[in-house]
Amino acid sequence: MWRRTTTELDTWYKRLGYQVIRTIVLVVRGFGSKNLNDTAKSLTFSLIFAVVPILAMIVAVAKGFGVVDIIEQQLNASFLGETGMVPTIMEMVERYLETTQGGLFIGIGILILLWAVYTFFQSVETAFNRIWYVKKPRSIVRQATTYIAIVVLIPVLIVCSAGITIFIHSMVGDLNGVRFMQFVIVWMLFTVMYLTVPNTKVKLWSALIPGILMGTLFQLLQMLSVYLITFLSRTSIVYGAFATIPILMIWLQYTSLLILIGAQMSYAIQNNEEYEYEQDLNQMSRRYKDYIMLYLLSTIIARFENDEAPLTAHDLAVRDNLPIRLVNQLLGRLVETGILREVYVEDEGEEKTYQPALDTHKISVGLVLDRTDAQGTEQFLQAPTEEMEAFWHKYMDAKVNHTTLNQILVNEL
């Protein structure tokens, strides 16, 4: 399954079939290796403590727009409305807002509210970055502005969705159309989340597919939870009231799990080609890797000398049916050693091409292999013996003097 690149497949349905199967494999593999279930539990725990501060900020923004009633109506129409917890939550929110406006503690109250919202969104971003193998998070300033923008946009989207729903219902009068519109809105929210939360460039197609799939499952999960609460309430008043809290907890956990699985699916779709020839790359000989590296370098030099447009890593991979993961690794090594340089394409965002960083008439095979051999840390041992030091100097002299190493016995060093 992994030993064929997508460019080697001759028909679109074969390429699609391979991508679907690979995506499923990567999602299942990532579910276990990245502990998505445990991460979902952690996010559920964080959400329980952050739900009131988040709703408090949403209500505060909604009050500014004069649409608090619409927000409450939408909450009553959701799964939370079936639990009968909306009045309690809104009362807690009002009290929370009152504490932030109360005399001496106004500054402390606002700081606590902002900190609770910030830490929750930060935990979500951290989970997404871990799925995408992004090590560098956003700066604090970018995090703060992004999270505030999200909180401000949520009530606006809720009001817009409510208006569109009322419009469709008045024009068509069909509940199925209204329900479909609710699905569309959820699809949009999930897609935007997968596009913006990871601190990396996510392609629209990679976010749209999991956005639609996970948004649909989210709506179905909400319907199932509503049915369970309604059924238990009709069966037994006491048991139904008791079951509200655990069902709410389960709903929150599986919602978090669906979000994380969607993020893993988004990563798998966008990086599907990264895992081609995965097992072979892990066992690749140094000689064969050097051969591919020198071939890529010769291609880049030839295009540069012929005044042809530079190529991206993806272009080079497609051109010779090479796995993109290997191409990225080798080009990155040549950039780090100062043999190639990255050139960003105008109007293409983060898309980068590669050109020689040295005079092409000075880039010899020996220079390339010497620089790549020397890449990384050396002589970091704190207390090497004199015998080891002598061996190192003799070895380096042999390489510098271009002595044929086949003529030197190891015991002579």
Protein backbone atom coordinates (compact mmCIF):
# COMPACT_ATOMS: atom_id res chain seq x y z
CA MET A 1 0.00 0.00 0.00
CA TRP A 2 2.85 2.42 0.81
CA ARG A 3 5.26 1.31 -1.95
CA ARG A 4 3.48 3.21 -4.69
CA THR A 5 3.39 6.99 -4.99
CA THR A 6 0.18 8.66 -6.10
CA THR A 7 1.87 9.77 -9.32
CA GLU A 8 2.48 6.13 -10.27
CA LEU A 9 -1.25 5.32 -10.24
CA ASP A 10 -2.75 5.73 -13.69
CA THR A 11 -6.43 6.35 -12.87
CA TRP A 12 -8.15 8.79 -10.52
CA TYR A 13 -10.20 6.11 -8.77
CA LYS A 14 -7.05 4.15 -7.92
CA ARG A 15 -5.47 7.29 -6.48
CA LEU A 16 -8.63 8.02 -4.51
CA GLY A 17 -8.84 4.44 -3.24
CA TYR A 18 -5.22 4.45 -2.11
CA GLN A 19 -5.68 7.80 -0.35
CA VAL A 20 -8.83 6.66 1.45
CA ILE A 21 -7.23 3.44 2.69
CA ARG A 22 -4.03 5.23 3.74
CA THR A 23 -6.02 7.93 5.54
CA ILE A 24 -7.97 5.30 7.51
CA VAL A 25 -4.73 3.54 8.45
CA LEU A 26 -3.09 6.80 9.56
CA VAL A 27 -6.14 7.83 11.63
CA VAL A 28 -6.26 4.45 13.39
CA ARG A 29 -2.50 4.52 13.93
CA GLY A 30 -2.61 8.10 15.24
CA PHE A 31 -5.51 7.30 17.58
CA GLY A 32 -3.29 4.90 19.48
CA SER A 33 0.15 6.48 19.12
CA LYS A 34 -1.05 9.99 20.06
CA ASN A 35 -3.37 8.84 22.87
CA LEU A 36 -6.36 10.73 21.49
CA ASN A 37 -8.70 9.08 23.99
CA ASP A 38 -6.69 10.36 26.96
CA THR A 39 -6.36 13.79 25.35
CA ALA A 40 -10.15 13.91 24.88
CA LYS A 41 -10.63 13.18 28.59
CA SER A 42 -8.22 15.99 29.42
CA LEU A 43 -10.08 18.41 27.17
CA THR A 44 -13.39 17.37 28.72
CA PHE A 45 -12.02 18.12 32.18
CA SER A 46 -10.79 21.53 30.98
CA LEU A 47 -14.10 22.29 29.27
CA ILE A 48 -16.12 21.61 32.43
CA PHE A 49 -14.18 24.31 34.28
CA ALA A 50 -14.12 26.71 31.33
CA VAL A 51 -17.74 26.42 30.14
CA VAL A 52 -19.08 29.10 32.50
CA PRO A 53 -16.31 31.66 31.78
CA ILE A 54 -16.65 31.03 28.03
CA LEU A 55 -20.43 31.45 28.15
CA ALA A 56 -19.93 34.53 30.34
CA MET A 57 -17.78 36.16 27.66
CA ILE A 58 -20.22 35.14 24.92
CA VAL A 59 -23.15 36.58 26.88
CA ALA A 60 -21.16 39.76 27.57
CA VAL A 61 -20.52 40.18 23.84
CA ALA A 62 -24.16 39.30 23.08
CA LYS A 63 -25.33 41.97 25.51
CA GLY A 64 -23.26 44.49 23.62
CA PHE A 65 -25.08 43.49 20.42
CA GLY A 66 -28.43 43.19 22.22
CA VAL A 67 -28.95 39.54 21.22
CA VAL A 68 -28.84 37.74 24.57
CA ASP A 69 -32.32 36.29 24.02
CA ILE A 70 -31.24 34.69 20.74
CA ILE A 71 -28.23 33.10 22.43
CA GLU A 72 -30.46 31.64 25.15
CA GLN A 73 -32.95 30.38 22.55
CA GLN A 74 -30.16 28.60 20.65
CA LEU A 75 -28.91 26.99 23.86
CA ASN A 76 -32.43 25.78 24.64
CA ALA A 77 -32.67 24.31 21.14
CA SER A 78 -29.42 22.37 21.60
CA PHE A 79 -28.60 19.30 23.64
CA LEU A 80 -28.16 21.46 26.77
CA GLY A 81 -31.79 22.55 26.49
CA GLU A 82 -32.98 18.97 26.82
CA THR A 83 -30.99 18.56 30.02
CA GLY A 84 -32.84 21.46 31.63
CA MET A 85 -29.52 23.02 32.64
CA VAL A 86 -29.74 26.20 30.53
CA PRO A 87 -31.50 28.31 33.21
CA THR A 88 -28.94 27.17 35.79
CA ILE A 89 -26.04 27.90 33.44
CA MET A 90 -27.41 31.33 32.54
CA GLU A 91 -27.87 32.13 36.22
CA MET A 92 -24.27 31.12 36.92
CA VAL A 93 -23.14 33.27 34.01
CA GLU A 94 -25.03 36.28 35.33
CA ARG A 95 -23.47 35.83 38.75
CA TYR A 96 -20.06 35.45 37.17
CA LEU A 97 -20.51 38.70 35.27
CA GLU A 98 -21.69 40.44 38.43
CA THR A 99 -18.52 39.39 40.27
CA THR A 100 -16.38 40.88 37.50
CA GLN A 101 -18.23 44.18 37.90
CA GLY A 102 -18.19 44.29 41.66
CA GLY A 103 -16.20 47.15 43.19
CA LEU A 104 -12.76 46.21 44.44
CA PHE A 105 -12.55 42.84 42.69
CA ILE A 106 -13.41 44.04 39.18
CA GLY A 107 -9.84 43.65 37.92
CA ILE A 108 -9.32 40.26 39.55
CA GLY A 109 -12.65 38.96 38.28
CA ILE A 110 -11.92 39.95 34.69
CA LEU A 111 -8.42 38.45 34.88
CA ILE A 112 -9.80 35.14 36.18
CA LEU A 113 -12.41 35.07 33.41
CA LEU A 114 -9.87 35.80 30.69
CA TRP A 115 -7.37 33.34 32.12
CA ALA A 116 -9.95 30.50 32.23
CA VAL A 117 -10.89 31.10 28.59
CA TYR A 118 -7.25 31.47 27.51
CA THR A 119 -6.07 28.25 29.19
CA PHE A 120 -8.89 26.21 27.62
CA PHE A 121 -8.22 27.44 24.10
CA GLN A 122 -4.49 26.97 24.66
CA SER A 123 -5.05 23.34 25.65
CA VAL A 124 -7.08 22.80 22.46
CA GLU A 125 -4.35 24.38 20.33
CA THR A 126 -1.69 22.29 22.07
CA ALA A 127 -3.64 19.11 21.31
CA PHE A 128 -4.00 20.09 17.64
CA ASN A 129 -0.31 21.02 17.35
CA ARG A 130 0.67 17.65 18.82
CA ILE A 131 -1.44 15.90 16.20
CA TRP A 132 0.20 17.96 13.44
CA TYR A 133 3.71 17.51 14.91
CA VAL A 134 4.01 21.29 15.30
CA LYS A 135 6.59 22.05 17.99
CA LYS A 136 6.40 25.84 17.94
CA PRO A 137 3.14 27.32 19.31
CA ARG A 138 1.76 30.73 18.45
CA SER A 139 3.12 33.74 20.29
CA ILE A 140 1.16 34.92 23.31
CA VAL A 141 -0.01 38.00 21.40
CA ARG A 142 -1.29 35.90 18.48
CA GLN A 143 -2.94 33.46 20.87
CA ALA A 144 -4.74 36.26 22.74
CA THR A 145 -5.98 37.98 19.58
CA THR A 146 -7.09 34.70 17.99
CA TYR A 147 -8.99 33.52 21.07
CA ILE A 148 -10.69 36.87 21.58
CA ALA A 149 -11.71 36.91 17.92
CA ILE A 150 -13.22 33.43 18.31
CA VAL A 151 -15.24 34.45 21.37
CA VAL A 152 -16.50 37.57 19.58
CA LEU A 153 -17.40 35.65 16.41
CA ILE A 154 -19.34 32.86 18.17
CA PRO A 155 -22.38 35.01 19.09
CA VAL A 156 -22.29 36.61 15.64
CA LEU A 157 -22.39 33.16 14.00
CA ILE A 158 -25.17 32.02 16.33
CA VAL A 159 -27.29 35.06 15.48
CA CYS A 160 -26.61 34.60 11.75
CA SER A 161 -27.52 30.91 11.91
CA ALA A 162 -30.72 31.72 13.81
CA GLY A 163 -31.64 34.35 11.23
CA ILE A 164 -30.97 32.00 8.31
CA THR A 165 -32.97 29.23 9.98
CA ILE A 166 -35.96 31.53 10.54
CA PHE A 167 -35.71 32.79 6.96
CA ILE A 168 -35.66 29.28 5.49
CA HIS A 169 -38.54 28.18 7.71
CA SER A 170 -40.66 31.18 6.68
CA MET A 171 -39.87 30.79 2.97
CA VAL A 172 -39.98 27.01 2.63
CA GLY A 173 -41.87 25.91 5.70
CA ASP A 174 -40.02 22.61 5.67
CA LEU A 175 -38.34 21.38 8.84
CA ASN A 176 -36.00 19.19 6.80
CA GLY A 177 -34.56 22.30 5.16
CA VAL A 178 -34.06 23.90 8.57
CA ARG A 179 -32.32 20.79 9.89
CA PHE A 180 -30.09 20.62 6.82
CA MET A 181 -29.12 24.25 7.40
CA GLN A 182 -28.16 23.38 10.95
CA PHE A 183 -25.89 20.64 9.59
CA VAL A 184 -24.32 23.12 7.15
CA ILE A 185 -23.57 25.57 9.95
CA VAL A 186 -21.93 22.83 12.05
CA TRP A 187 -19.89 21.74 9.01
CA MET A 188 -18.66 25.32 8.61
CA LEU A 189 -17.71 25.61 12.29
CA PHE A 190 -15.75 22.34 12.26
CA THR A 191 -14.02 23.22 8.99
CA VAL A 192 -12.97 26.66 10.26
CA MET A 193 -11.68 25.04 13.46
CA TYR A 194 -9.50 22.55 11.55
CA LEU A 195 -8.23 25.37 9.33
CA THR A 196 -7.29 27.91 12.00
CA VAL A 197 -6.43 26.13 15.25
CA PRO A 198 -3.19 24.30 14.27
CA ASN A 199 -0.18 26.60 14.05
CA THR A 200 0.58 25.50 10.51
CA LYS A 201 -0.78 25.94 6.99
CA VAL A 202 -3.80 23.65 6.50
CA LYS A 203 -5.27 23.24 3.05
CA LEU A 204 -9.00 23.82 2.63
CA TRP A 205 -9.65 20.34 1.23
CA SER A 206 -7.87 18.74 4.18
CA ALA A 207 -10.12 20.63 6.61
CA LEU A 208 -13.38 20.39 4.66
CA ILE A 209 -13.64 16.58 4.50
CA PRO A 210 -13.19 15.95 8.27
CA GLY A 211 -15.28 19.08 8.95
CA ILE A 212 -18.26 17.59 7.12
CA LEU A 213 -17.78 14.07 8.46
CA MET A 214 -17.15 14.99 12.10
CA GLY A 215 -19.81 17.71 12.00
CA THR A 216 -22.35 15.12 10.87
CA LEU A 217 -21.31 12.68 13.60
CA PHE A 218 -21.50 15.52 16.14
CA GLN A 219 -25.10 16.27 15.13
CA LEU A 220 -26.00 12.58 15.28
CA LEU A 221 -24.36 12.28 18.71
CA GLN A 222 -26.39 15.25 19.89
CA MET A 223 -29.61 13.69 18.60
CA LEU A 224 -28.78 10.41 20.32
CA SER A 225 -28.05 12.19 23.61
CA VAL A 226 -31.35 14.09 23.39
CA TYR A 227 -33.19 10.83 22.75
CA LEU A 228 -31.55 9.14 25.74
CA ILE A 229 -32.39 11.99 28.10
CA THR A 230 -35.99 12.14 26.82
CA PHE A 231 -36.38 8.36 27.12
CA LEU A 232 -34.95 8.24 30.64
CA SER A 233 -37.08 11.17 31.73
CA ARG A 234 -40.21 9.42 30.54
CA THR A 235 -39.21 6.12 32.11
CA SER A 236 -38.42 7.45 35.55
CA ILE A 237 -38.42 11.03 36.77
CA VAL A 238 -35.84 10.33 39.46
CA TYR A 239 -33.53 8.26 37.28
CA GLY A 240 -33.95 10.65 34.37
CA ALA A 241 -32.82 13.63 36.44
CA PHE A 242 -29.94 11.60 37.83
CA ALA A 243 -28.83 10.50 34.35
CA THR A 244 -28.58 14.07 33.00
CA ILE A 245 -25.13 14.77 34.44
CA PRO A 246 -23.38 11.53 33.36
CA ILE A 247 -24.94 11.77 29.89
CA LEU A 248 -23.71 15.37 29.67
CA MET A 249 -20.22 14.24 30.66
CA ILE A 250 -20.26 11.45 28.10
CA TRP A 251 -21.50 13.87 25.43
CA LEU A 252 -18.69 16.31 26.19
CA GLN A 253 -16.06 13.56 26.12
CA TYR A 254 -17.21 12.05 22.83
CA THR A 255 -17.55 15.52 21.33
CA SER A 256 -13.92 16.20 22.27
CA LEU A 257 -12.94 12.80 20.85
CA LEU A 258 -14.72 13.52 17.55
CA ILE A 259 -12.92 16.86 17.28
CA LEU A 260 -9.52 15.24 17.84
CA ILE A 261 -10.22 12.40 15.40
CA GLY A 262 -11.19 15.02 12.83
CA ALA A 263 -7.91 16.84 13.43
CA GLN A 264 -6.00 13.57 12.95
CA MET A 265 -7.96 12.92 9.75
CA SER A 266 -7.13 16.41 8.50
CA TYR A 267 -3.44 15.74 9.12
CA ALA A 268 -3.64 12.33 7.43
CA ILE A 269 -5.32 13.75 4.31
CA GLN A 270 -2.81 16.55 3.89
CA ASN A 271 0.25 14.42 4.67
CA ASN A 272 -0.86 11.23 2.97
CA GLU A 273 2.14 11.20 0.67
CA GLU A 274 4.58 11.65 3.57
CA TYR A 275 4.21 7.97 4.47
CA GLU A 276 4.93 6.47 1.03
CA TYR A 277 7.77 3.94 1.21
CA GLU A 278 7.79 4.52 4.98
CA GLN A 279 9.29 1.15 5.97
CA ASP A 280 11.85 1.29 3.15
CA LEU A 281 12.93 4.81 4.13
CA ASN A 282 13.57 3.70 7.70
CA GLN A 283 15.87 0.94 6.39
CA MET A 284 17.44 2.95 3.56
CA SER A 285 21.18 2.57 3.07
CA ARG A 286 23.40 5.61 3.30
CA ARG A 287 24.72 5.05 -0.23
CA TYR A 288 21.25 4.99 -1.77
CA LYS A 289 20.25 8.09 0.18
CA ASP A 290 23.38 9.90 -1.07
CA TYR A 291 22.50 8.87 -4.63
CA ILE A 292 18.99 10.38 -4.39
CA MET A 293 20.38 13.53 -2.73
CA LEU A 294 22.99 14.08 -5.46
CA TYR A 295 20.41 13.43 -8.17
CA LEU A 296 18.03 16.05 -6.72
CA LEU A 297 20.92 18.50 -6.40
CA SER A 298 21.95 17.93 -10.03
CA THR A 299 18.38 18.59 -11.17
CA ILE A 300 18.22 21.86 -9.23
CA ILE A 301 21.63 22.98 -10.57
CA ALA A 302 20.70 22.13 -14.17
CA ARG A 303 17.48 24.16 -13.97
CA PHE A 304 19.36 27.07 -12.40
CA GLU A 305 22.02 27.10 -15.13
CA ASN A 306 19.36 26.88 -17.86
CA ASP A 307 17.41 29.83 -16.36
CA GLU A 308 14.39 27.62 -15.69
CA ALA A 309 11.94 28.25 -12.87
CA PRO A 310 12.94 26.65 -9.56
CA LEU A 311 10.88 23.71 -8.31
CA THR A 312 9.21 22.99 -4.99
CA ALA A 313 9.79 19.79 -3.05
CA HIS A 314 6.43 18.52 -4.27
CA ASP A 315 7.34 19.31 -7.89
CA LEU A 316 10.60 17.38 -7.56
CA ALA A 317 8.81 14.43 -5.99
CA VAL A 318 6.15 14.28 -8.72
CA ARG A 319 8.74 14.74 -11.48
CA ASP A 320 10.60 11.51 -10.64
CA ASN A 321 7.95 9.55 -8.68
CA LEU A 322 9.84 10.01 -5.41
CA PRO A 323 8.31 9.88 -1.92
CA ILE A 324 7.79 13.46 -0.72
CA ARG A 325 8.99 12.63 2.79
CA LEU A 326 12.43 11.60 1.46
CA VAL A 327 12.65 14.66 -0.80
CA ASN A 328 11.87 16.99 2.12
CA GLN A 329 14.50 15.30 4.31
CA LEU A 330 17.26 15.49 1.70
CA LEU A 331 16.50 19.06 0.63
CA GLY A 332 16.42 20.11 4.26
CA ARG A 333 19.85 18.56 4.77
CA LEU A 334 21.26 20.42 1.75
CA VAL A 335 19.82 23.70 3.05
CA GLU A 336 21.30 23.17 6.52
CA THR A 337 24.74 22.51 5.04
CA GLY A 338 24.60 25.72 3.00
CA ILE A 339 24.55 24.06 -0.43
CA LEU A 340 20.96 25.05 -1.25
CA ARG A 341 18.82 27.99 -0.21
CA GLU A 342 15.07 28.31 0.11
CA VAL A 343 13.29 30.84 -2.10
CA TYR A 344 9.66 31.63 -1.29
CA VAL A 345 7.30 32.01 -4.22
CA GLU A 346 5.39 35.27 -4.39
CA ASP A 347 1.64 35.09 -3.73
CA GLU A 348 1.97 31.45 -2.66
CA GLY A 349 2.14 31.89 1.11
CA GLU A 350 4.59 29.40 2.59
CA GLU A 351 5.33 27.60 -0.72
CA LYS A 352 9.10 27.48 -1.17
CA THR A 353 11.44 26.48 -3.97
CA TYR A 354 15.14 25.58 -3.96
CA GLN A 355 18.17 27.12 -5.68
CA PRO A 356 21.95 26.69 -5.31
CA ALA A 357 23.50 28.73 -2.51
CA LEU A 358 27.03 28.45 -3.96
CA ASP A 359 28.75 28.90 -7.29
CA THR A 360 27.59 25.81 -9.20
CA HIS A 361 31.12 25.31 -10.59
CA LYS A 362 32.38 24.78 -7.04
CA ILE A 363 29.75 22.26 -5.96
CA SER A 364 31.62 18.98 -6.31
CA VAL A 365 30.54 15.53 -5.19
CA GLY A 366 33.30 15.56 -2.58
CA LEU A 367 32.13 18.91 -1.20
CA VAL A 368 28.54 17.71 -0.87
CA LEU A 369 29.49 14.44 0.83
CA ASP A 370 32.01 16.15 3.14
CA ARG A 371 29.46 18.72 4.28
CA THR A 372 26.70 16.19 4.81
CA ASP A 373 29.12 13.90 6.67
CA ALA A 374 30.08 16.78 8.97
CA GLN A 375 26.46 17.81 9.59
CA GLY A 376 25.59 17.62 13.26
CA THR A 377 27.60 17.78 16.48
CA GLU A 378 31.12 16.40 16.77
CA GLN A 379 33.76 16.03 19.48
CA PHE A 380 31.21 16.46 22.25
CA LEU A 381 32.79 13.82 24.53
CA GLN A 382 33.98 15.43 27.75
CA ALA A 383 37.00 13.19 28.39
CA PRO A 384 38.20 11.34 25.25
CA THR A 385 41.39 9.35 25.67
CA GLU A 386 44.66 10.34 23.95
CA GLU A 387 44.36 7.25 21.78
CA MET A 388 40.91 8.35 20.58
CA GLU A 389 42.16 11.88 19.84
CA ALA A 390 45.07 10.54 17.78
CA PHE A 391 42.75 8.23 15.87
CA TRP A 392 40.42 11.18 15.06
CA HIS A 393 43.23 13.38 13.73
CA LYS A 394 44.63 10.61 11.53
CA TYR A 395 41.18 9.89 10.17
CA MET A 396 40.54 13.57 9.35
CA ASP A 397 43.98 13.94 7.74
CA ALA A 398 43.23 11.01 5.49
CA LYS A 399 39.93 12.60 4.37
CA VAL A 400 41.40 16.09 3.92
CA ASN A 401 44.35 14.83 1.91
CA HIS A 402 41.96 12.85 -0.28
CA THR A 403 43.87 9.68 0.45
CA THR A 404 42.22 6.61 -0.95
CA LEU A 405 40.66 5.19 2.18
CA ASN A 406 40.58 1.73 0.63
CA GLN A 407 44.38 1.70 0.83
CA ILE A 408 44.45 2.42 4.56
CA LEU A 409 43.83 -0.38 7.02
CA VAL A 410 41.77 0.47 10.05
CA ASN A 411 44.51 -0.73 12.41
CA GLU A 412 46.90 1.71 10.73
CA LEU A 413 44.83 4.63 11.92
